[in-house]
Amino acid sequence: MEKVSVVVPLLDEVESLEELHKKVTEAFKGRFEPELIFVDDGSRDGSWDVIEKLSKQYSHVKGIRFRRNYGKSTALHHGFANATGAYIATMDADLQDDPLEIPLMIDQLNEQGLDLVSGWKQNRQDPITKTVPSRFFNFVTRVVTGIQLHDFNCGLKVYRKEVVERLELYGERHRYIPLLANWEGYHKIGEKPVKHHERKYGKSKFGISRFINGFLDLITLMFVNYYLQRPMHFFGTAGIVSVFFGSLITAYLVFMRIFHDEFLSRRPLLLFGILLILIGFQFFSIGLFGEMMVRHRRDTKPVSIGETTNIIDTE
């Protein structure tokens, strides 16, 4: 019987944990060996006490605890690092994701030869204040990345183990796991409509700051992917454009001064042209400095800011 690791990042979800454990166990019964990894991202409501209790009662339950809140990406990063199953599934702890979908997603993974399957909350049971921004976010992400998924941010996903081993997660990168996997060479990405339930306990952690941060991280990811190893291509191009237009403006004003006897002191456009030339050289300098950094630190990779404590493994 194959083992499936279910990584569950959580923050203040004490009321749902025991019920979630029961549902996951029932969903896997007779088909897969479960490994349930709860990642407590700085909860203060007693969630860790429940995780400790479950880990002592059941050998397949593990817990990772952070001393403070580091964010979902860091929680997933450490959950993936401690997962031992042939398949890795992720889901939220609020009981809105249905564990019965996981075996079906694994079947789709194998039948279609996919690297990962992402859930699609087609009939989402959330207020309009969450659904409308989410649809806009997903539309923009599809256009920018070219990956045709309806729900990038769905917490319910299934991966082959080798896929998550290549991912570097920090910040808000968890929103773009399909994109990150695609960049690592795992292009076979599927999607499955999944059941979505209304929140039963607690409060949603969604806020406008997450919405804004998501777009900022998308811009960062796209820039880093295309220009991290060749910064001069970006800054050099910007420098050429800036110097070109600055020189064009300056040449025009010089022509007007020589042949039409205009006073340049009366033309603020002269200052603008000179400023464009200076900015262009600044762009060139930044590009050259970036190329020097790439050459001397080519093997540098992002480091997670997470901190893991009290890993419980009773097996």
C-alpha atoms as a PDB file:
ATOM      1  CA  MET A   1       0.000   0.000   0.000  1.00  0.00           C
ATOM      2  CA  GLU A   2       1.514   3.312  -1.117  1.00  0.00           C
ATOM      3  CA  LYS A   3       2.013   6.110   1.360  1.00  0.00           C
ATOM      4  CA  VAL A   4       0.460   9.515   0.790  1.00  0.00           C
ATOM      5  CA  SER A   5       1.721  12.469   2.820  1.00  0.00           C
ATOM      6  CA  VAL A   6      -0.916  15.129   3.486  1.00  0.00           C
ATOM      7  CA  VAL A   7       0.647  18.463   4.464  1.00  0.00           C
ATOM      8  CA  VAL A   8      -1.759  20.750   6.322  1.00  0.00           C
ATOM      9  CA  PRO A   9      -0.537  24.292   7.135  1.00  0.00           C
ATOM     10  CA  LEU A  10      -2.684  25.931   9.794  1.00  0.00           C
ATOM     11  CA  LEU A  11      -3.138  28.990  11.953  1.00  0.00           C
ATOM     12  CA  ASP A  12      -5.647  28.965  14.818  1.00  0.00           C
ATOM     13  CA  GLU A  13      -7.801  26.054  13.631  1.00  0.00           C
ATOM     14  CA  VAL A  14      -8.157  24.184  16.946  1.00  0.00           C
ATOM     15  CA  GLU A  15     -11.797  23.252  16.411  1.00  0.00           C
ATOM     16  CA  SER A  16     -11.330  21.512  13.084  1.00  0.00           C
ATOM     17  CA  LEU A  17      -8.193  19.395  13.558  1.00  0.00           C
ATOM     18  CA  GLU A  18      -9.669  16.228  15.060  1.00  0.00           C
ATOM     19  CA  GLU A  19     -12.498  16.174  12.538  1.00  0.00           C
ATOM     20  CA  LEU A  20     -10.018  16.750   9.704  1.00  0.00           C
ATOM     21  CA  HIS A  21      -7.874  13.842  10.905  1.00  0.00           C
ATOM     22  CA  LYS A  22     -10.909  11.572  10.947  1.00  0.00           C
ATOM     23  CA  LYS A  23     -11.978  12.592   7.438  1.00  0.00           C
ATOM     24  CA  VAL A  24      -8.486  12.065   5.969  1.00  0.00           C
ATOM     25  CA  THR A  25      -8.177   8.638   7.600  1.00  0.00           C
ATOM     26  CA  GLU A  26     -11.572   7.564   6.268  1.00  0.00           C
ATOM     27  CA  ALA A  27     -10.800   8.863   2.772  1.00  0.00           C
ATOM     28  CA  PHE A  28      -7.603   6.767   2.560  1.00  0.00           C
ATOM     29  CA  LYS A  29      -8.970   3.620   4.201  1.00  0.00           C
ATOM     30  CA  GLY A  30      -8.121   0.508   2.198  1.00  0.00           C
ATOM     31  CA  ARG A  31      -6.324   2.413  -0.550  1.00  0.00           C
ATOM     32  CA  PHE A  32      -3.359   4.374   0.792  1.00  0.00           C
ATOM     33  CA  GLU A  33      -1.224   4.556   3.912  1.00  0.00           C
ATOM     34  CA  PRO A  34      -1.724   8.058   5.329  1.00  0.00           C
ATOM     35  CA  GLU A  35       0.952  10.356   6.726  1.00  0.00           C
ATOM     36  CA  LEU A  36      -0.700  13.469   8.106  1.00  0.00           C
ATOM     37  CA  ILE A  37       1.671  16.384   8.724  1.00  0.00           C
ATOM     38  CA  PHE A  38       0.202  19.342  10.580  1.00  0.00           C
ATOM     39  CA  VAL A  39       2.309  22.511  10.336  1.00  0.00           C
ATOM     40  CA  ASP A  40       1.312  24.909  13.106  1.00  0.00           C
ATOM     41  CA  ASP A  41       2.253  28.365  11.837  1.00  0.00           C
ATOM     42  CA  GLY A  42       2.334  30.152  15.194  1.00  0.00           C
ATOM     43  CA  SER A  43      -1.181  29.346  16.479  1.00  0.00           C
ATOM     44  CA  ARG A  44      -2.242  30.755  19.834  1.00  0.00           C
ATOM     45  CA  ASP A  45      -5.584  29.003  20.291  1.00  0.00           C
ATOM     46  CA  GLY A  46      -4.462  25.563  21.480  1.00  0.00           C
ATOM     47  CA  SER A  47      -4.043  23.996  18.035  1.00  0.00           C
ATOM     48  CA  TRP A  48      -0.638  22.623  19.011  1.00  0.00           C
ATOM     49  CA  ASP A  49      -2.117  20.834  22.023  1.00  0.00           C
ATOM     50  CA  VAL A  50      -4.519  18.995  19.721  1.00  0.00           C
ATOM     51  CA  ILE A  51      -1.692  18.092  17.330  1.00  0.00           C
ATOM     52  CA  GLU A  52       0.368  16.691  20.221  1.00  0.00           C
ATOM     53  CA  LYS A  53      -2.608  14.667  21.373  1.00  0.00           C
ATOM     54  CA  LEU A  54      -3.224  13.214  17.907  1.00  0.00           C
ATOM     55  CA  SER A  55       0.458  12.395  17.379  1.00  0.00           C
ATOM     56  CA  LYS A  56       0.507  10.373  20.593  1.00  0.00           C
ATOM     57  CA  GLN A  57      -2.642   8.482  19.655  1.00  0.00           C
ATOM     58  CA  TYR A  58      -1.825   7.805  15.992  1.00  0.00           C
ATOM     59  CA  SER A  59       1.546   6.855  14.554  1.00  0.00           C
ATOM     60  CA  HIS A  60       0.765   8.419  11.160  1.00  0.00           C
ATOM     61  CA  VAL A  61       0.326  11.932  12.579  1.00  0.00           C
ATOM     62  CA  LYS A  62       3.280  14.324  12.684  1.00  0.00           C
ATOM     63  CA  GLY A  63       3.504  17.917  13.814  1.00  0.00           C
ATOM     64  CA  ILE A  64       5.764  20.844  13.040  1.00  0.00           C
ATOM     65  CA  ARG A  65       5.504  23.956  15.178  1.00  0.00           C
ATOM     66  CA  PHE A  66       6.752  27.486  14.501  1.00  0.00           C
ATOM     67  CA  ARG A  67       7.309  29.855  17.417  1.00  0.00           C
ATOM     68  CA  ARG A  68       5.650  32.648  15.434  1.00  0.00           C
ATOM     69  CA  ASN A  69       3.748  33.127  12.196  1.00  0.00           C
ATOM     70  CA  TYR A  70       5.980  32.776   9.122  1.00  0.00           C
ATOM     71  CA  GLY A  71       3.330  32.359   6.423  1.00  0.00           C
ATOM     72  CA  LYS A  72       1.868  29.552   4.366  1.00  0.00           C
ATOM     73  CA  SER A  73       4.810  29.221   1.975  1.00  0.00           C
ATOM     74  CA  THR A  74       7.279  28.557   4.777  1.00  0.00           C
ATOM     75  CA  ALA A  75       4.846  26.141   6.407  1.00  0.00           C
ATOM     76  CA  LEU A  76       4.535  24.163   3.177  1.00  0.00           C
ATOM     77  CA  HIS A  77       8.305  24.249   2.659  1.00  0.00           C
ATOM     78  CA  HIS A  78       8.961  22.531   5.993  1.00  0.00           C
ATOM     79  CA  GLY A  79       6.028  20.172   5.538  1.00  0.00           C
ATOM     80  CA  PHE A  80       7.410  19.030   2.184  1.00  0.00           C
ATOM     81  CA  ALA A  81      10.870  18.565   3.707  1.00  0.00           C
ATOM     82  CA  ASN A  82       9.468  16.130   6.288  1.00  0.00           C
ATOM     83  CA  ALA A  83       7.095  14.223   3.999  1.00  0.00           C
ATOM     84  CA  THR A  84       8.035  10.613   3.195  1.00  0.00           C
ATOM     85  CA  GLY A  85       5.148   9.505   0.961  1.00  0.00           C
ATOM     86  CA  ALA A  86       5.350   8.641  -2.733  1.00  0.00           C
ATOM     87  CA  TYR A  87       2.644  11.248  -3.264  1.00  0.00           C
ATOM     88  CA  ILE A  88       2.302  14.579  -1.493  1.00  0.00           C
ATOM     89  CA  ALA A  89      -1.074  16.223  -1.012  1.00  0.00           C
ATOM     90  CA  THR A  90      -1.776  19.648   0.449  1.00  0.00           C
ATOM     91  CA  MET A  91      -5.009  20.958   1.888  1.00  0.00           C
ATOM     92  CA  ASP A  92      -6.244  23.662   4.225  1.00  0.00           C
ATOM     93  CA  ALA A  93      -7.242  22.894   7.806  1.00  0.00           C
ATOM     94  CA  ASP A  94     -10.585  24.724   7.771  1.00  0.00           C
ATOM     95  CA  LEU A  95     -12.598  21.692   6.526  1.00  0.00           C
ATOM     96  CA  GLN A  96     -13.566  23.515   3.325  1.00  0.00           C
ATOM     97  CA  ASP A  97     -11.412  21.119   1.277  1.00  0.00           C
ATOM     98  CA  ASP A  98     -12.774  17.587   0.978  1.00  0.00           C
ATOM     99  CA  PRO A  99     -10.207  14.800   1.666  1.00  0.00           C
ATOM    100  CA  LEU A 100     -12.277  12.393  -0.472  1.00  0.00           C
ATOM    101  CA  GLU A 101     -10.954  14.265  -3.502  1.00  0.00           C
ATOM    102  CA  ILE A 102      -7.337  13.268  -2.807  1.00  0.00           C
ATOM    103  CA  PRO A 103      -7.579   9.594  -3.948  1.00  0.00           C
ATOM    104  CA  LEU A 104      -9.421  10.746  -7.094  1.00  0.00           C
ATOM    105  CA  MET A 105      -6.695  13.300  -7.808  1.00  0.00           C
ATOM    106  CA  ILE A 106      -4.015  10.621  -7.372  1.00  0.00           C
ATOM    107  CA  ASP A 107      -5.898   8.422  -9.858  1.00  0.00           C
ATOM    108  CA  GLN A 108      -5.942  11.316 -12.338  1.00  0.00           C
ATOM    109  CA  LEU A 109      -2.233  11.893 -11.707  1.00  0.00           C
ATOM    110  CA  ASN A 110      -1.416   8.305 -12.654  1.00  0.00           C
ATOM    111  CA  GLU A 111      -3.938   7.806 -15.446  1.00  0.00           C
ATOM    112  CA  GLN A 112      -2.864  10.945 -17.300  1.00  0.00           C
ATOM    113  CA  GLY A 113       0.842  10.724 -16.416  1.00  0.00           C
ATOM    114  CA  LEU A 114       0.826  14.120 -14.707  1.00  0.00           C
ATOM    115  CA  ASP A 115       3.361  15.727 -12.377  1.00  0.00           C
ATOM    116  CA  LEU A 116       0.757  17.524 -10.282  1.00  0.00           C
ATOM    117  CA  VAL A 117      -2.989  17.973 -10.102  1.00  0.00           C
ATOM    118  CA  SER A 118      -4.449  21.246  -8.846  1.00  0.00           C
ATOM    119  CA  GLY A 119      -7.933  21.525  -7.416  1.00  0.00           C
ATOM    120  CA  TRP A 120     -10.526  23.883  -8.865  1.00  0.00           C
ATOM    121  CA  LYS A 121     -13.179  25.190  -6.480  1.00  0.00           C
ATOM    122  CA  GLN A 122     -15.705  25.395  -9.292  1.00  0.00           C
ATOM    123  CA  ASN A 123     -18.634  25.931  -6.924  1.00  0.00           C
ATOM    124  CA  ARG A 124     -16.872  27.956  -4.263  1.00  0.00           C
ATOM    125  CA  GLN A 125     -18.657  28.349  -0.922  1.00  0.00           C
ATOM    126  CA  ASP A 126     -17.200  31.701   0.061  1.00  0.00           C
ATOM    127  CA  PRO A 127     -18.558  35.254   0.246  1.00  0.00           C
ATOM    128  CA  ILE A 128     -18.354  37.491  -2.814  1.00  0.00           C
ATOM    129  CA  THR A 129     -15.605  39.530  -1.129  1.00  0.00           C
ATOM    130  CA  LYS A 130     -13.332  36.515  -1.654  1.00  0.00           C
ATOM    131  CA  THR A 131     -14.635  35.034  -4.889  1.00  0.00           C
ATOM    132  CA  VAL A 132     -14.531  38.180  -7.059  1.00  0.00           C
ATOM    133  CA  PRO A 133     -10.916  39.181  -6.169  1.00  0.00           C
ATOM    134  CA  SER A 134      -9.888  35.522  -6.571  1.00  0.00           C
ATOM    135  CA  ARG A 135     -11.343  35.301 -10.085  1.00  0.00           C
ATOM    136  CA  PHE A 136      -9.590  38.495 -11.108  1.00  0.00           C
ATOM    137  CA  PHE A 137      -6.319  37.258  -9.601  1.00  0.00           C
ATOM    138  CA  ASN A 138      -6.571  33.911 -11.412  1.00  0.00           C
ATOM    139  CA  PHE A 139      -7.417  35.604 -14.720  1.00  0.00           C
ATOM    140  CA  VAL A 140      -4.360  37.861 -14.530  1.00  0.00           C
ATOM    141  CA  THR A 141      -2.128  34.953 -13.495  1.00  0.00           C
ATOM    142  CA  ARG A 142      -3.333  32.828 -16.434  1.00  0.00           C
ATOM    143  CA  VAL A 143      -2.596  35.657 -18.867  1.00  0.00           C
ATOM    144  CA  VAL A 144       0.840  36.449 -17.446  1.00  0.00           C
ATOM    145  CA  THR A 145       2.098  32.876 -16.929  1.00  0.00           C
ATOM    146  CA  GLY A 146       0.382  31.075 -19.800  1.00  0.00           C
ATOM    147  CA  ILE A 147      -0.659  28.227 -17.471  1.00  0.00           C
ATOM    148  CA  GLN A 148      -4.350  27.534 -17.976  1.00  0.00           C
ATOM    149  CA  LEU A 149      -5.596  26.822 -14.463  1.00  0.00           C
ATOM    150  CA  HIS A 150      -8.824  28.211 -13.077  1.00  0.00           C
ATOM    151  CA  ASP A 151      -7.725  28.281  -9.430  1.00  0.00           C
ATOM    152  CA  PHE A 152      -4.012  28.776  -8.756  1.00  0.00           C
ATOM    153  CA  ASN A 153      -4.581  29.396  -5.057  1.00  0.00           C
ATOM    154  CA  CYS A 154      -6.646  26.301  -4.298  1.00  0.00           C
ATOM    155  CA  GLY A 155      -5.060  24.643  -1.266  1.00  0.00           C
ATOM    156  CA  LEU A 156      -6.016  21.159  -2.461  1.00  0.00           C
ATOM    157  CA  LYS A 157      -3.247  19.822  -4.685  1.00  0.00           C
ATOM    158  CA  VAL A 158      -1.488  16.481  -5.271  1.00  0.00           C
ATOM    159  CA  TYR A 159       2.133  16.070  -6.388  1.00  0.00           C
ATOM    160  CA  ARG A 160       4.630  13.386  -7.123  1.00  0.00           C
ATOM    161  CA  LYS A 161       7.302  13.538  -4.442  1.00  0.00           C
ATOM    162  CA  GLU A 162      10.091  14.562  -6.809  1.00  0.00           C
ATOM    163  CA  VAL A 163       8.173  17.705  -7.761  1.00  0.00           C
ATOM    164  CA  VAL A 164       8.027  19.201  -4.250  1.00  0.00           C
ATOM    165  CA  GLU A 165      11.685  18.351  -3.653  1.00  0.00           C
ATOM    166  CA  ARG A 166      12.630  20.936  -6.304  1.00  0.00           C
ATOM    167  CA  LEU A 167      10.454  23.779  -5.051  1.00  0.00           C
ATOM    168  CA  GLU A 168      11.785  26.816  -3.185  1.00  0.00           C
ATOM    169  CA  LEU A 169       8.926  28.321  -1.195  1.00  0.00           C
ATOM    170  CA  TYR A 170       8.982  31.581   0.741  1.00  0.00           C
ATOM    171  CA  GLY A 171       7.000  34.823   0.853  1.00  0.00           C
ATOM    172  CA  GLU A 172       3.705  34.261  -0.979  1.00  0.00           C
ATOM    173  CA  ARG A 173       5.145  31.777  -3.473  1.00  0.00           C
ATOM    174  CA  HIS A 174       2.651  29.061  -2.503  1.00  0.00           C
ATOM    175  CA  ARG A 175       0.146  30.817  -4.788  1.00  0.00           C
ATOM    176  CA  TYR A 176       2.340  30.014  -7.782  1.00  0.00           C
ATOM    177  CA  ILE A 177       3.409  26.421  -7.136  1.00  0.00           C
ATOM    178  CA  PRO A 178       2.180  25.245 -10.583  1.00  0.00           C
ATOM    179  CA  LEU A 179       4.267  28.014 -12.182  1.00  0.00           C
ATOM    180  CA  LEU A 180       7.339  27.145 -10.102  1.00  0.00           C
ATOM    181  CA  ALA A 181       6.957  23.452 -10.977  1.00  0.00           C
ATOM    182  CA  ASN A 182       6.649  24.340 -14.648  1.00  0.00           C
ATOM    183  CA  TRP A 183       9.891  26.331 -14.486  1.00  0.00           C
ATOM    184  CA  GLU A 184      11.614  23.311 -12.924  1.00  0.00           C
ATOM    185  CA  GLY A 185      10.661  21.175 -15.924  1.00  0.00           C
ATOM    186  CA  TYR A 186       7.450  19.610 -14.613  1.00  0.00           C
ATOM    187  CA  HIS A 187       5.143  20.672 -17.408  1.00  0.00           C
ATOM    188  CA  LYS A 188       2.424  18.032 -17.038  1.00  0.00           C
ATOM    189  CA  ILE A 189      -0.057  19.935 -14.890  1.00  0.00           C
ATOM    190  CA  GLY A 190      -3.671  18.850 -14.546  1.00  0.00           C
ATOM    191  CA  GLU A 191      -6.762  20.282 -12.914  1.00  0.00           C
ATOM    192  CA  LYS A 192      -9.754  18.700 -11.227  1.00  0.00           C
ATOM    193  CA  PRO A 193     -13.006  20.334 -10.091  1.00  0.00           C
ATOM    194  CA  VAL A 194     -13.306  19.608  -6.374  1.00  0.00           C
ATOM    195  CA  LYS A 195     -16.002  19.890  -3.737  1.00  0.00           C
ATOM    196  CA  HIS A 196     -15.803  22.973  -1.579  1.00  0.00           C
ATOM    197  CA  HIS A 197     -17.647  23.319   1.722  1.00  0.00           C
ATOM    198  CA  GLU A 198     -18.641  26.347   3.747  1.00  0.00           C
ATOM    199  CA  ARG A 199     -16.335  27.247   6.608  1.00  0.00           C
ATOM    200  CA  LYS A 200     -17.529  25.411   9.704  1.00  0.00           C
ATOM    201  CA  TYR A 201     -15.280  26.880  12.405  1.00  0.00           C
ATOM    202  CA  GLY A 202     -13.146  29.959  12.936  1.00  0.00           C
ATOM    203  CA  LYS A 203     -12.591  32.935  10.664  1.00  0.00           C
ATOM    204  CA  SER A 204     -11.033  33.357   7.244  1.00  0.00           C
ATOM    205  CA  LYS A 205      -7.453  34.688   7.126  1.00  0.00           C
ATOM    206  CA  PHE A 206      -8.058  36.384   3.769  1.00  0.00           C
ATOM    207  CA  GLY A 207      -7.387  40.127   3.576  1.00  0.00           C
ATOM    208  CA  ILE A 208      -6.663  42.825   1.021  1.00  0.00           C
ATOM    209  CA  SER A 209      -2.963  42.706   1.924  1.00  0.00           C
ATOM    210  CA  ARG A 210      -2.742  39.106   0.706  1.00  0.00           C
ATOM    211  CA  PHE A 211      -4.416  40.097  -2.550  1.00  0.00           C
ATOM    212  CA  ILE A 212      -1.913  42.911  -3.153  1.00  0.00           C
ATOM    213  CA  ASN A 213       1.075  40.821  -2.030  1.00  0.00           C
ATOM    214  CA  GLY A 214       0.041  38.107  -4.464  1.00  0.00           C
ATOM    215  CA  PHE A 215       0.363  40.443  -7.442  1.00  0.00           C
ATOM    216  CA  LEU A 216       3.652  41.873  -6.183  1.00  0.00           C
ATOM    217  CA  ASP A 217       5.071  38.353  -5.860  1.00  0.00           C
ATOM    218  CA  LEU A 218       3.888  37.510  -9.382  1.00  0.00           C
ATOM    219  CA  ILE A 219       5.803  40.509 -10.764  1.00  0.00           C
ATOM    220  CA  THR A 220       8.863  39.507  -8.733  1.00  0.00           C
ATOM    221  CA  LEU A 221       8.728  35.891  -9.893  1.00  0.00           C
ATOM    222  CA  MET A 222       8.425  36.799 -13.556  1.00  0.00           C
ATOM    223  CA  PHE A 223      11.271  39.323 -13.331  1.00  0.00           C
ATOM    224  CA  VAL A 224      13.557  36.950 -11.433  1.00  0.00           C
ATOM    225  CA  ASN A 225      12.834  34.049 -13.792  1.00  0.00           C
ATOM    226  CA  TYR A 226      13.652  36.003 -16.947  1.00  0.00           C
ATOM    227  CA  TYR A 227      16.441  38.295 -15.737  1.00  0.00           C
ATOM    228  CA  LEU A 228      18.098  36.783 -12.663  1.00  0.00           C
ATOM    229  CA  GLN A 229      20.957  35.314 -14.708  1.00  0.00           C
ATOM    230  CA  ARG A 230      21.101  38.203 -17.202  1.00  0.00           C
ATOM    231  CA  PRO A 231      20.271  41.475 -15.429  1.00  0.00           C
ATOM    232  CA  MET A 232      22.045  43.532 -18.101  1.00  0.00           C
ATOM    233  CA  HIS A 233      19.388  42.495 -20.627  1.00  0.00           C
ATOM    234  CA  PHE A 234      16.755  44.352 -18.621  1.00  0.00           C
ATOM    235  CA  PHE A 235      18.695  47.294 -17.223  1.00  0.00           C
ATOM    236  CA  GLY A 236      20.789  47.676 -20.367  1.00  0.00           C
ATOM    237  CA  THR A 237      17.690  47.863 -22.547  1.00  0.00           C
ATOM    238  CA  ALA A 238      16.133  50.431 -20.227  1.00  0.00           C
ATOM    239  CA  GLY A 239      19.419  52.379 -20.304  1.00  0.00           C
ATOM    240  CA  ILE A 240      19.579  52.387 -24.113  1.00  0.00           C
ATOM    241  CA  VAL A 241      16.006  53.629 -24.393  1.00  0.00           C
ATOM    242  CA  SER A 242      16.588  56.351 -21.810  1.00  0.00           C
ATOM    243  CA  VAL A 243      19.866  57.556 -23.335  1.00  0.00           C
ATOM    244  CA  PHE A 244      18.391  57.472 -26.858  1.00  0.00           C
ATOM    245  CA  PHE A 245      15.431  59.702 -26.032  1.00  0.00           C
ATOM    246  CA  GLY A 246      17.555  61.964 -23.849  1.00  0.00           C
ATOM    247  CA  SER A 247      20.071  62.394 -26.654  1.00  0.00           C
ATOM    248  CA  LEU A 248      17.276  62.984 -29.175  1.00  0.00           C
ATOM    249  CA  ILE A 249      15.804  65.770 -27.040  1.00  0.00           C
ATOM    250  CA  THR A 250      19.213  67.338 -26.424  1.00  0.00           C
ATOM    251  CA  ALA A 251      20.150  67.196 -30.126  1.00  0.00           C
ATOM    252  CA  TYR A 252      16.864  68.853 -31.068  1.00  0.00           C
ATOM    253  CA  LEU A 253      17.437  71.702 -28.606  1.00  0.00           C
ATOM    254  CA  VAL A 254      21.017  72.206 -29.806  1.00  0.00           C
ATOM    255  CA  PHE A 255      19.717  72.382 -33.377  1.00  0.00           C
ATOM    256  CA  MET A 256      17.150  74.992 -32.333  1.00  0.00           C
ATOM    257  CA  ARG A 257      19.836  77.006 -30.564  1.00  0.00           C
ATOM    258  CA  ILE A 258      22.226  77.024 -33.545  1.00  0.00           C
ATOM    259  CA  PHE A 259      19.778  77.581 -36.386  1.00  0.00           C
ATOM    260  CA  HIS A 260      16.925  79.441 -34.686  1.00  0.00           C
ATOM    261  CA  ASP A 261      18.836  81.272 -31.996  1.00  0.00           C
ATOM    262  CA  GLU A 262      16.569  80.091 -29.173  1.00  0.00           C
ATOM    263  CA  PHE A 263      17.684  80.474 -25.567  1.00  0.00           C
ATOM    264  CA  LEU A 264      18.031  77.026 -24.023  1.00  0.00           C
ATOM    265  CA  SER A 265      17.572  78.478 -20.551  1.00  0.00           C
ATOM    266  CA  ARG A 266      13.942  79.023 -21.429  1.00  0.00           C
ATOM    267  CA  ARG A 267      13.420  75.373 -22.319  1.00  0.00           C
ATOM    268  CA  PRO A 268      12.832  73.074 -19.304  1.00  0.00           C
ATOM    269  CA  LEU A 269      12.913  70.281 -21.869  1.00  0.00           C
ATOM    270  CA  LEU A 270      16.713  70.567 -21.815  1.00  0.00           C
ATOM    271  CA  LEU A 271      16.822  69.509 -18.175  1.00  0.00           C
ATOM    272  CA  PHE A 272      14.513  66.594 -18.952  1.00  0.00           C
ATOM    273  CA  GLY A 273      16.761  65.424 -21.789  1.00  0.00           C
ATOM    274  CA  ILE A 274      19.898  65.601 -19.632  1.00  0.00           C
ATOM    275  CA  LEU A 275      18.050  63.765 -16.858  1.00  0.00           C
ATOM    276  CA  LEU A 276      17.107  60.943 -19.235  1.00  0.00           C
ATOM    277  CA  ILE A 277      20.758  60.558 -20.271  1.00  0.00           C
ATOM    278  CA  LEU A 278      21.910  60.407 -16.645  1.00  0.00           C
ATOM    279  CA  ILE A 279      19.195  57.894 -15.760  1.00  0.00           C
ATOM    280  CA  GLY A 280      20.247  55.784 -18.738  1.00  0.00           C
ATOM    281  CA  PHE A 281      23.826  55.594 -17.484  1.00  0.00           C
ATOM    282  CA  GLN A 282      22.487  54.709 -14.046  1.00  0.00           C
ATOM    283  CA  PHE A 283      20.597  51.781 -15.570  1.00  0.00           C
ATOM    284  CA  PHE A 284      23.797  50.632 -17.291  1.00  0.00           C
ATOM    285  CA  SER A 285      25.651  50.806 -13.956  1.00  0.00           C
ATOM    286  CA  ILE A 286      22.987  48.741 -12.196  1.00  0.00           C
ATOM    287  CA  GLY A 287      23.073  46.160 -14.994  1.00  0.00           C
ATOM    288  CA  LEU A 288      26.858  45.842 -14.825  1.00  0.00           C
ATOM    289  CA  PHE A 289      26.763  45.550 -11.040  1.00  0.00           C
ATOM    290  CA  GLY A 290      24.092  42.860 -11.339  1.00  0.00           C
ATOM    291  CA  GLU A 291      26.202  40.910 -13.836  1.00  0.00           C
ATOM    292  CA  MET A 292      29.151  41.031 -11.429  1.00  0.00           C
ATOM    293  CA  MET A 293      26.973  39.680  -8.615  1.00  0.00           C
ATOM    294  CA  VAL A 294      25.644  36.866 -10.801  1.00  0.00           C
ATOM    295  CA  ARG A 295      29.149  35.847 -11.779  1.00  0.00           C
ATOM    296  CA  HIS A 296      30.461  35.670  -8.215  1.00  0.00           C
ATOM    297  CA  ARG A 297      27.329  34.259  -6.588  1.00  0.00           C
ATOM    298  CA  ARG A 298      25.937  32.030  -9.313  1.00  0.00           C
ATOM    299  CA  ASP A 299      25.126  29.214  -6.933  1.00  0.00           C
ATOM    300  CA  THR A 300      23.295  31.362  -4.387  1.00  0.00           C
ATOM    301  CA  LYS A 301      19.679  30.261  -3.763  1.00  0.00           C
ATOM    302  CA  PRO A 302      16.843  31.795  -1.715  1.00  0.00           C
ATOM    303  CA  VAL A 303      16.802  30.679   1.913  1.00  0.00           C
ATOM    304  CA  SER A 304      13.578  30.099   3.813  1.00  0.00           C
ATOM    305  CA  ILE A 305      13.107  32.288   6.879  1.00  0.00           C
ATOM    306  CA  GLY A 306      11.131  29.606   8.660  1.00  0.00           C
ATOM    307  CA  GLU A 307      12.027  28.005  11.948  1.00  0.00           C
ATOM    308  CA  THR A 308      11.008  24.450  12.771  1.00  0.00           C
ATOM    309  CA  THR A 309      10.624  23.172  16.317  1.00  0.00           C
ATOM    310  CA  ASN A 310       9.217  20.150  18.022  1.00  0.00           C
ATOM    311  CA  ILE A 311       8.885  17.788  15.087  1.00  0.00           C
ATOM    312  CA  ILE A 312       6.827  14.896  16.405  1.00  0.00           C
ATOM    313  CA  ASP A 313       7.252  11.528  14.745  1.00  0.00           C
ATOM    314  CA  THR A 314       5.942   8.633  16.790  1.00  0.00           C
ATOM    315  CA  GLU A 315       6.602   5.985  14.169  1.00  0.00           C
END
